[in-house]
Amino acid sequence: MAVVEVDRGFFRSPRAALKIARTLLAFVTFVCFAASHSHGAYTALAAMETAITALFLLLYLLKLDKKMRCLFWPLADIFNSVIAALFLFIVCLFAIILKANDGTLAGGVLGLLLLVLCVADAVVLSKKISLDGPRRRTTPEN
């Protein structure tokens, strides 16, 4: 049976604070859209953003990114942040412009704040990774 260890250092980092803030703000945005019976696309985007960001938070918190090396997780996280920011920009602008009711308007405004957090997360992550840095050998030297 494998023991999962928690990365306590990550939990105190600015990256974790951004992930937690993104997850909470996405959830509040989802609640605003769902409570106001907004268009399904608004609600689905907020729900997916909540779930995906929470999964990335768990991935880093439980050090699963170091165990599952099939993917370069920070780069996948950057792509997620950029794509989420693009979709949030489009959908939340529609929500604000069309403002069917106050809940949709509130969800659109919170979604734009979430967009800012997505961009900040992408910037912080891009500063963390270095694709042209020194490479380590994965095979033992003879």
N, C-alpha and C. Protein backbone atom coordinates (compact mmCIF):
# COMPACT_ATOMS: atom_id res chain seq x y z
N MET A 1 0.84 -1.17 0.00
CA MET A 1 0.00 0.00 0.00
C MET A 1 0.90 1.24 0.00
N ALA A 2 0.66 2.14 -0.92
CA ALA A 2 1.49 3.34 -1.06
C ALA A 2 1.02 4.42 -0.07
N VAL A 3 1.98 5.07 0.51
CA VAL A 3 1.68 6.15 1.45
C VAL A 3 1.79 7.46 0.69
N VAL A 4 0.77 8.29 0.81
CA VAL A 4 0.77 9.58 0.14
C VAL A 4 1.22 10.63 1.16
N GLU A 5 2.26 11.36 0.77
CA GLU A 5 2.76 12.39 1.68
C GLU A 5 2.30 13.76 1.20
N VAL A 6 2.07 14.64 2.16
CA VAL A 6 1.59 15.99 1.87
C VAL A 6 2.79 16.93 1.84
N ASP A 7 2.82 17.77 0.82
CA ASP A 7 3.89 18.75 0.67
C ASP A 7 3.51 20.00 1.47
N ARG A 8 3.98 20.06 2.70
CA ARG A 8 3.63 21.19 3.58
C ARG A 8 4.26 22.50 3.10
N GLY A 9 5.40 22.41 2.43
CA GLY A 9 6.04 23.61 1.89
C GLY A 9 5.21 24.24 0.79
N PHE A 10 4.60 23.41 -0.05
CA PHE A 10 3.75 23.93 -1.12
C PHE A 10 2.53 24.62 -0.54
N PHE A 11 1.97 24.08 0.51
CA PHE A 11 0.76 24.64 1.09
C PHE A 11 0.98 26.07 1.58
N ARG A 12 2.20 26.42 1.93
CA ARG A 12 2.52 27.77 2.42
C ARG A 12 3.03 28.69 1.32
N SER A 13 3.10 28.20 0.08
CA SER A 13 3.69 28.97 -1.01
C SER A 13 2.67 29.89 -1.68
N PRO A 14 3.17 30.90 -2.40
CA PRO A 14 2.26 31.78 -3.15
C PRO A 14 1.48 31.02 -4.23
N ARG A 15 2.08 30.00 -4.81
CA ARG A 15 1.38 29.20 -5.82
C ARG A 15 0.15 28.52 -5.22
N ALA A 16 0.29 28.00 -4.01
CA ALA A 16 -0.85 27.36 -3.35
C ALA A 16 -1.92 28.39 -3.02
N ALA A 17 -1.51 29.56 -2.59
CA ALA A 17 -2.48 30.61 -2.29
C ALA A 17 -3.27 31.00 -3.54
N LEU A 18 -2.58 31.07 -4.67
CA LEU A 18 -3.27 31.37 -5.93
C LEU A 18 -4.24 30.26 -6.31
N LYS A 19 -3.81 29.01 -6.15
CA LYS A 19 -4.68 27.87 -6.49
C LYS A 19 -5.92 27.85 -5.58
N ILE A 20 -5.72 28.08 -4.30
CA ILE A 20 -6.84 28.09 -3.37
C ILE A 20 -7.80 29.24 -3.69
N ALA A 21 -7.24 30.42 -3.96
CA ALA A 21 -8.08 31.57 -4.30
C ALA A 21 -8.83 31.32 -5.60
N ARG A 22 -8.16 30.71 -6.59
CA ARG A 22 -8.85 30.39 -7.85
C ARG A 22 -9.98 29.40 -7.63
N THR A 23 -9.72 28.38 -6.82
CA THR A 23 -10.75 27.37 -6.57
C THR A 23 -11.96 27.98 -5.87
N LEU A 24 -11.71 28.77 -4.83
CA LEU A 24 -12.81 29.39 -4.09
C LEU A 24 -13.59 30.39 -4.93
N LEU A 25 -12.87 31.22 -5.70
CA LEU A 25 -13.55 32.21 -6.53
C LEU A 25 -14.33 31.53 -7.66
N ALA A 26 -13.79 30.46 -8.21
CA ALA A 26 -14.52 29.71 -9.25
C ALA A 26 -15.77 29.08 -8.67
N PHE A 27 -15.67 28.60 -7.43
CA PHE A 27 -16.85 28.01 -6.80
C PHE A 27 -17.93 29.07 -6.53
N VAL A 28 -17.52 30.23 -6.06
CA VAL A 28 -18.48 31.32 -5.81
C VAL A 28 -19.11 31.77 -7.13
N THR A 29 -18.31 31.82 -8.20
CA THR A 29 -18.83 32.16 -9.52
C THR A 29 -19.84 31.12 -9.97
N PHE A 30 -19.52 29.85 -9.76
CA PHE A 30 -20.44 28.77 -10.10
C PHE A 30 -21.75 28.91 -9.34
N VAL A 31 -21.68 29.21 -8.06
CA VAL A 31 -22.88 29.37 -7.24
C VAL A 31 -23.73 30.54 -7.75
N CYS A 32 -23.08 31.64 -8.12
CA CYS A 32 -23.82 32.79 -8.65
C CYS A 32 -24.56 32.41 -9.94
N PHE A 33 -23.86 31.75 -10.84
CA PHE A 33 -24.49 31.36 -12.11
C PHE A 33 -25.59 30.33 -11.88
N ALA A 34 -25.33 29.35 -11.02
CA ALA A 34 -26.32 28.30 -10.79
C ALA A 34 -27.56 28.83 -10.07
N ALA A 35 -27.37 29.70 -9.10
CA ALA A 35 -28.50 30.24 -8.34
C ALA A 35 -29.37 31.16 -9.19
N SER A 36 -28.77 31.80 -10.17
CA SER A 36 -29.54 32.72 -11.00
C SER A 36 -30.14 32.05 -12.24
N HIS A 37 -29.96 30.73 -12.33
CA HIS A 37 -30.47 29.96 -13.47
C HIS A 37 -29.97 30.54 -14.78
N SER A 38 -28.67 30.83 -14.82
CA SER A 38 -28.05 31.39 -16.01
C SER A 38 -27.92 30.32 -17.09
N HIS A 39 -27.45 30.76 -18.23
CA HIS A 39 -27.22 29.85 -19.35
C HIS A 39 -26.28 28.73 -18.91
N GLY A 40 -26.49 27.55 -19.43
CA GLY A 40 -25.71 26.38 -19.03
C GLY A 40 -24.22 26.52 -19.27
N ALA A 41 -23.82 27.28 -20.29
CA ALA A 41 -22.40 27.45 -20.59
C ALA A 41 -21.69 28.19 -19.46
N TYR A 42 -22.36 29.19 -18.89
CA TYR A 42 -21.77 29.94 -17.79
C TYR A 42 -21.52 29.02 -16.60
N THR A 43 -22.53 28.27 -16.26
CA THR A 43 -22.44 27.38 -15.10
C THR A 43 -21.42 26.28 -15.33
N ALA A 44 -21.42 25.71 -16.52
CA ALA A 44 -20.49 24.62 -16.82
C ALA A 44 -19.04 25.09 -16.78
N LEU A 45 -18.78 26.28 -17.31
CA LEU A 45 -17.41 26.80 -17.29
C LEU A 45 -16.93 27.02 -15.86
N ALA A 46 -17.77 27.60 -15.02
CA ALA A 46 -17.38 27.84 -13.63
C ALA A 46 -17.19 26.52 -12.88
N ALA A 47 -18.05 25.54 -13.14
CA ALA A 47 -17.91 24.24 -12.48
C ALA A 47 -16.64 23.53 -12.93
N MET A 48 -16.35 23.57 -14.22
CA MET A 48 -15.12 22.92 -14.72
C MET A 48 -13.88 23.61 -14.18
N GLU A 49 -13.90 24.93 -14.10
CA GLU A 49 -12.75 25.65 -13.56
C GLU A 49 -12.54 25.30 -12.09
N THR A 50 -13.62 25.17 -11.33
CA THR A 50 -13.50 24.77 -9.93
C THR A 50 -12.88 23.39 -9.81
N ALA A 51 -13.38 22.44 -10.58
CA ALA A 51 -12.90 21.06 -10.50
C ALA A 51 -11.45 20.93 -10.96
N ILE A 52 -11.12 21.52 -12.09
CA ILE A 52 -9.76 21.37 -12.63
C ILE A 52 -8.74 22.04 -11.73
N THR A 53 -9.04 23.22 -11.23
CA THR A 53 -8.10 23.91 -10.34
C THR A 53 -7.94 23.16 -9.03
N ALA A 54 -9.02 22.60 -8.51
CA ALA A 54 -8.92 21.80 -7.28
C ALA A 54 -8.07 20.55 -7.52
N LEU A 55 -8.21 19.94 -8.68
CA LEU A 55 -7.40 18.76 -9.00
C LEU A 55 -5.92 19.11 -9.13
N PHE A 56 -5.60 20.24 -9.75
CA PHE A 56 -4.20 20.67 -9.81
C PHE A 56 -3.66 20.98 -8.41
N LEU A 57 -4.50 21.58 -7.56
CA LEU A 57 -4.09 21.85 -6.19
C LEU A 57 -3.76 20.55 -5.46
N LEU A 58 -4.61 19.55 -5.60
CA LEU A 58 -4.35 18.24 -4.98
C LEU A 58 -3.13 17.56 -5.57
N LEU A 59 -2.94 17.71 -6.87
CA LEU A 59 -1.79 17.12 -7.54
C LEU A 59 -0.49 17.62 -6.92
N TYR A 60 -0.39 18.94 -6.75
CA TYR A 60 0.82 19.52 -6.17
C TYR A 60 0.90 19.27 -4.67
N LEU A 61 -0.22 19.35 -3.98
CA LEU A 61 -0.24 19.18 -2.53
C LEU A 61 0.17 17.78 -2.12
N LEU A 62 -0.25 16.78 -2.87
CA LEU A 62 0.07 15.39 -2.54
C LEU A 62 1.32 14.87 -3.25
N LYS A 63 2.05 15.77 -3.90
CA LYS A 63 3.29 15.45 -4.62
C LYS A 63 3.08 14.41 -5.72
N LEU A 64 1.90 14.37 -6.27
CA LEU A 64 1.63 13.42 -7.34
C LEU A 64 2.30 13.82 -8.65
N ASP A 65 2.64 15.11 -8.79
CA ASP A 65 3.34 15.54 -10.00
C ASP A 65 4.74 14.95 -10.08
N LYS A 66 5.32 14.62 -8.94
CA LYS A 66 6.65 14.00 -8.93
C LYS A 66 6.56 12.49 -9.14
N LYS A 67 5.41 11.91 -8.84
CA LYS A 67 5.24 10.46 -9.00
C LYS A 67 4.74 10.11 -10.39
N MET A 68 3.91 10.95 -10.97
CA MET A 68 3.39 10.71 -12.31
C MET A 68 4.18 11.56 -13.30
N ARG A 69 5.22 11.01 -13.83
CA ARG A 69 6.12 11.75 -14.69
C ARG A 69 5.77 11.64 -16.18
N CYS A 70 4.60 11.14 -16.47
CA CYS A 70 4.21 10.97 -17.88
C CYS A 70 3.93 12.32 -18.54
N LEU A 71 3.75 13.36 -17.76
CA LEU A 71 3.42 14.68 -18.28
C LEU A 71 4.20 15.73 -17.51
N PHE A 72 4.58 16.81 -18.19
CA PHE A 72 5.26 17.91 -17.53
C PHE A 72 4.17 18.80 -16.93
N TRP A 73 3.82 18.56 -15.68
CA TRP A 73 2.65 19.13 -15.04
C TRP A 73 2.64 20.66 -14.97
N PRO A 74 3.76 21.32 -14.67
CA PRO A 74 3.69 22.79 -14.65
C PRO A 74 3.31 23.39 -16.01
N LEU A 75 3.78 22.78 -17.08
CA LEU A 75 3.42 23.28 -18.41
C LEU A 75 1.94 23.01 -18.70
N ALA A 76 1.44 21.85 -18.29
CA ALA A 76 0.01 21.55 -18.43
C ALA A 76 -0.82 22.53 -17.62
N ASP A 77 -0.32 22.91 -16.45
CA ASP A 77 -1.02 23.87 -15.60
C ASP A 77 -1.04 25.26 -16.25
N ILE A 78 0.06 25.64 -16.90
CA ILE A 78 0.10 26.92 -17.60
C ILE A 78 -0.91 26.92 -18.75
N PHE A 79 -0.94 25.82 -19.52
CA PHE A 79 -1.93 25.73 -20.60
C PHE A 79 -3.35 25.81 -20.05
N ASN A 80 -3.60 25.15 -18.94
CA ASN A 80 -4.92 25.22 -18.32
C ASN A 80 -5.26 26.65 -17.93
N SER A 81 -4.33 27.36 -17.34
CA SER A 81 -4.58 28.74 -16.91
C SER A 81 -4.85 29.66 -18.10
N VAL A 82 -4.09 29.49 -19.17
CA VAL A 82 -4.27 30.35 -20.35
C VAL A 82 -5.60 30.06 -21.04
N ILE A 83 -5.91 28.78 -21.22
CA ILE A 83 -7.18 28.41 -21.87
C ILE A 83 -8.36 28.85 -21.00
N ALA A 84 -8.25 28.66 -19.68
CA ALA A 84 -9.32 29.09 -18.78
C ALA A 84 -9.50 30.60 -18.84
N ALA A 85 -8.40 31.34 -18.89
CA ALA A 85 -8.50 32.80 -18.98
C ALA A 85 -9.19 33.22 -20.28
N LEU A 86 -8.88 32.55 -21.37
CA LEU A 86 -9.51 32.87 -22.65
C LEU A 86 -11.01 32.60 -22.61
N PHE A 87 -11.40 31.42 -22.13
CA PHE A 87 -12.82 31.09 -22.04
C PHE A 87 -13.54 32.01 -21.05
N LEU A 88 -12.91 32.30 -19.92
CA LEU A 88 -13.54 33.19 -18.93
C LEU A 88 -13.76 34.58 -19.51
N PHE A 89 -12.81 35.06 -20.28
CA PHE A 89 -12.94 36.38 -20.88
C PHE A 89 -14.16 36.43 -21.78
N ILE A 90 -14.28 35.44 -22.66
CA ILE A 90 -15.39 35.42 -23.61
C ILE A 90 -16.73 35.24 -22.89
N VAL A 91 -16.81 34.21 -22.06
CA VAL A 91 -18.09 33.88 -21.43
C VAL A 91 -18.53 34.96 -20.44
N CYS A 92 -17.61 35.47 -19.65
CA CYS A 92 -17.99 36.47 -18.65
C CYS A 92 -18.34 37.81 -19.28
N LEU A 93 -17.71 38.15 -20.40
CA LEU A 93 -18.14 39.36 -21.10
C LEU A 93 -19.57 39.21 -21.62
N PHE A 94 -19.89 38.03 -22.16
CA PHE A 94 -21.26 37.79 -22.59
C PHE A 94 -22.22 37.88 -21.40
N ALA A 95 -21.81 37.33 -20.26
CA ALA A 95 -22.68 37.35 -19.08
C ALA A 95 -22.93 38.78 -18.61
N ILE A 96 -21.89 39.62 -18.69
CA ILE A 96 -22.04 41.01 -18.25
C ILE A 96 -22.85 41.82 -19.25
N ILE A 97 -22.59 41.60 -20.53
CA ILE A 97 -23.30 42.37 -21.56
C ILE A 97 -24.78 42.00 -21.60
N LEU A 98 -25.06 40.69 -21.54
CA LEU A 98 -26.46 40.24 -21.63
C LEU A 98 -27.20 40.36 -20.31
N LYS A 99 -26.51 40.33 -19.20
CA LYS A 99 -27.02 40.41 -17.82
C LYS A 99 -28.52 40.12 -17.70
N ALA A 100 -28.82 38.85 -17.81
CA ALA A 100 -30.22 38.41 -17.71
C ALA A 100 -30.80 38.76 -16.35
N ASN A 101 -29.98 38.69 -15.28
CA ASN A 101 -30.42 39.06 -13.94
C ASN A 101 -29.19 39.42 -13.10
N ASP A 102 -29.42 39.78 -11.85
CA ASP A 102 -28.31 40.23 -11.00
C ASP A 102 -27.31 39.12 -10.72
N GLY A 103 -27.78 37.87 -10.60
CA GLY A 103 -26.87 36.75 -10.35
C GLY A 103 -25.93 36.52 -11.51
N THR A 104 -26.43 36.66 -12.73
CA THR A 104 -25.60 36.51 -13.91
C THR A 104 -24.57 37.63 -13.98
N LEU A 105 -24.98 38.83 -13.66
CA LEU A 105 -24.06 39.96 -13.65
C LEU A 105 -22.97 39.76 -12.60
N ALA A 106 -23.36 39.32 -11.39
CA ALA A 106 -22.38 39.07 -10.33
C ALA A 106 -21.42 37.95 -10.73
N GLY A 107 -21.95 36.89 -11.33
CA GLY A 107 -21.10 35.80 -11.80
C GLY A 107 -20.14 36.26 -12.87
N GLY A 108 -20.59 37.13 -13.77
CA GLY A 108 -19.71 37.66 -14.81
C GLY A 108 -18.58 38.50 -14.25
N VAL A 109 -18.90 39.35 -13.28
CA VAL A 109 -17.87 40.18 -12.65
C VAL A 109 -16.87 39.31 -11.87
N LEU A 110 -17.38 38.34 -11.11
CA LEU A 110 -16.49 37.44 -10.39
C LEU A 110 -15.66 36.59 -11.35
N GLY A 111 -16.25 36.24 -12.49
CA GLY A 111 -15.51 35.49 -13.50
C GLY A 111 -14.36 36.31 -14.07
N LEU A 112 -14.56 37.61 -14.24
CA LEU A 112 -13.46 38.46 -14.71
C LEU A 112 -12.36 38.59 -13.65
N LEU A 113 -12.75 38.61 -12.39
CA LEU A 113 -11.74 38.58 -11.32
C LEU A 113 -10.98 37.25 -11.34
N LEU A 114 -11.70 36.19 -11.62
CA LEU A 114 -11.08 34.87 -11.75
C LEU A 114 -10.11 34.84 -12.92
N LEU A 115 -10.44 35.54 -13.98
CA LEU A 115 -9.55 35.66 -15.13
C LEU A 115 -8.22 36.28 -14.71
N VAL A 116 -8.26 37.30 -13.88
CA VAL A 116 -7.03 37.94 -13.39
C VAL A 116 -6.19 36.94 -12.59
N LEU A 117 -6.84 36.13 -11.76
CA LEU A 117 -6.12 35.12 -11.00
C LEU A 117 -5.52 34.05 -11.92
N CYS A 118 -6.22 33.70 -12.99
CA CYS A 118 -5.68 32.72 -13.95
C CYS A 118 -4.42 33.26 -14.63
N VAL A 119 -4.46 34.52 -15.02
CA VAL A 119 -3.29 35.12 -15.65
C VAL A 119 -2.13 35.21 -14.65
N ALA A 120 -2.42 35.60 -13.42
CA ALA A 120 -1.38 35.66 -12.39
C ALA A 120 -0.78 34.28 -12.13
N ASP A 121 -1.62 33.26 -12.10
CA ASP A 121 -1.14 31.89 -11.90
C ASP A 121 -0.24 31.46 -13.04
N ALA A 122 -0.62 31.79 -14.28
CA ALA A 122 0.20 31.44 -15.43
C ALA A 122 1.55 32.14 -15.39
N VAL A 123 1.55 33.40 -14.95
CA VAL A 123 2.82 34.15 -14.86
C VAL A 123 3.71 33.56 -13.78
N VAL A 124 3.15 33.26 -12.62
CA VAL A 124 3.94 32.68 -11.53
C VAL A 124 4.51 31.32 -11.95
N LEU A 125 3.70 30.50 -12.60
CA LEU A 125 4.17 29.19 -13.05
C LEU A 125 5.23 29.31 -14.14
N SER A 126 5.07 30.26 -15.05
CA SER A 126 6.05 30.39 -16.12
C SER A 126 7.40 30.87 -15.59
N LYS A 127 7.39 31.61 -14.49
CA LYS A 127 8.66 32.01 -13.88
C LYS A 127 9.31 30.84 -13.15
N LYS A 128 8.49 29.87 -12.72
CA LYS A 128 9.01 28.72 -11.98
C LYS A 128 9.74 27.74 -12.89
N ILE A 129 9.22 27.53 -14.10
CA ILE A 129 9.82 26.53 -14.97
C ILE A 129 10.85 27.17 -15.87
N SER A 130 11.82 26.38 -16.25
CA SER A 130 12.86 26.82 -17.17
C SER A 130 13.09 25.72 -18.18
N LEU A 131 12.70 25.98 -19.41
CA LEU A 131 12.86 24.97 -20.44
C LEU A 131 14.26 24.96 -21.04
N ASP A 132 15.01 26.05 -20.88
CA ASP A 132 16.35 26.09 -21.45
C ASP A 132 17.44 26.01 -20.38
N GLY A 133 17.06 25.61 -19.19
CA GLY A 133 18.02 25.48 -18.09
C GLY A 133 18.88 24.25 -18.23
N PRO A 134 19.78 24.05 -17.29
CA PRO A 134 20.65 22.88 -17.36
C PRO A 134 19.86 21.58 -17.22
N ARG A 135 20.24 20.61 -18.00
CA ARG A 135 19.57 19.32 -17.98
C ARG A 135 20.34 18.36 -17.10
N ARG A 136 19.60 17.51 -16.40
CA ARG A 136 20.23 16.48 -15.58
C ARG A 136 20.18 15.18 -16.35
N ARG A 137 21.18 14.38 -16.18
CA ARG A 137 21.19 13.06 -16.82
C ARG A 137 20.28 12.13 -16.06
N THR A 138 19.53 11.35 -16.80
CA THR A 138 18.64 10.40 -16.14
C THR A 138 19.26 9.01 -16.09
N THR A 139 20.33 8.82 -16.82
CA THR A 139 21.00 7.53 -16.82
C THR A 139 22.31 7.66 -16.05
N PRO A 140 22.73 6.63 -15.39
CA PRO A 140 23.99 6.71 -14.66
C PRO A 140 25.18 6.82 -15.62
N GLU A 141 26.16 7.59 -15.21
CA GLU A 141 27.35 7.77 -16.05
C GLU A 141 28.29 6.59 -15.83
N ASN A 142 28.98 6.23 -16.91
CA ASN A 142 29.95 5.13 -16.83
C ASN A 142 31.33 5.61 -16.52
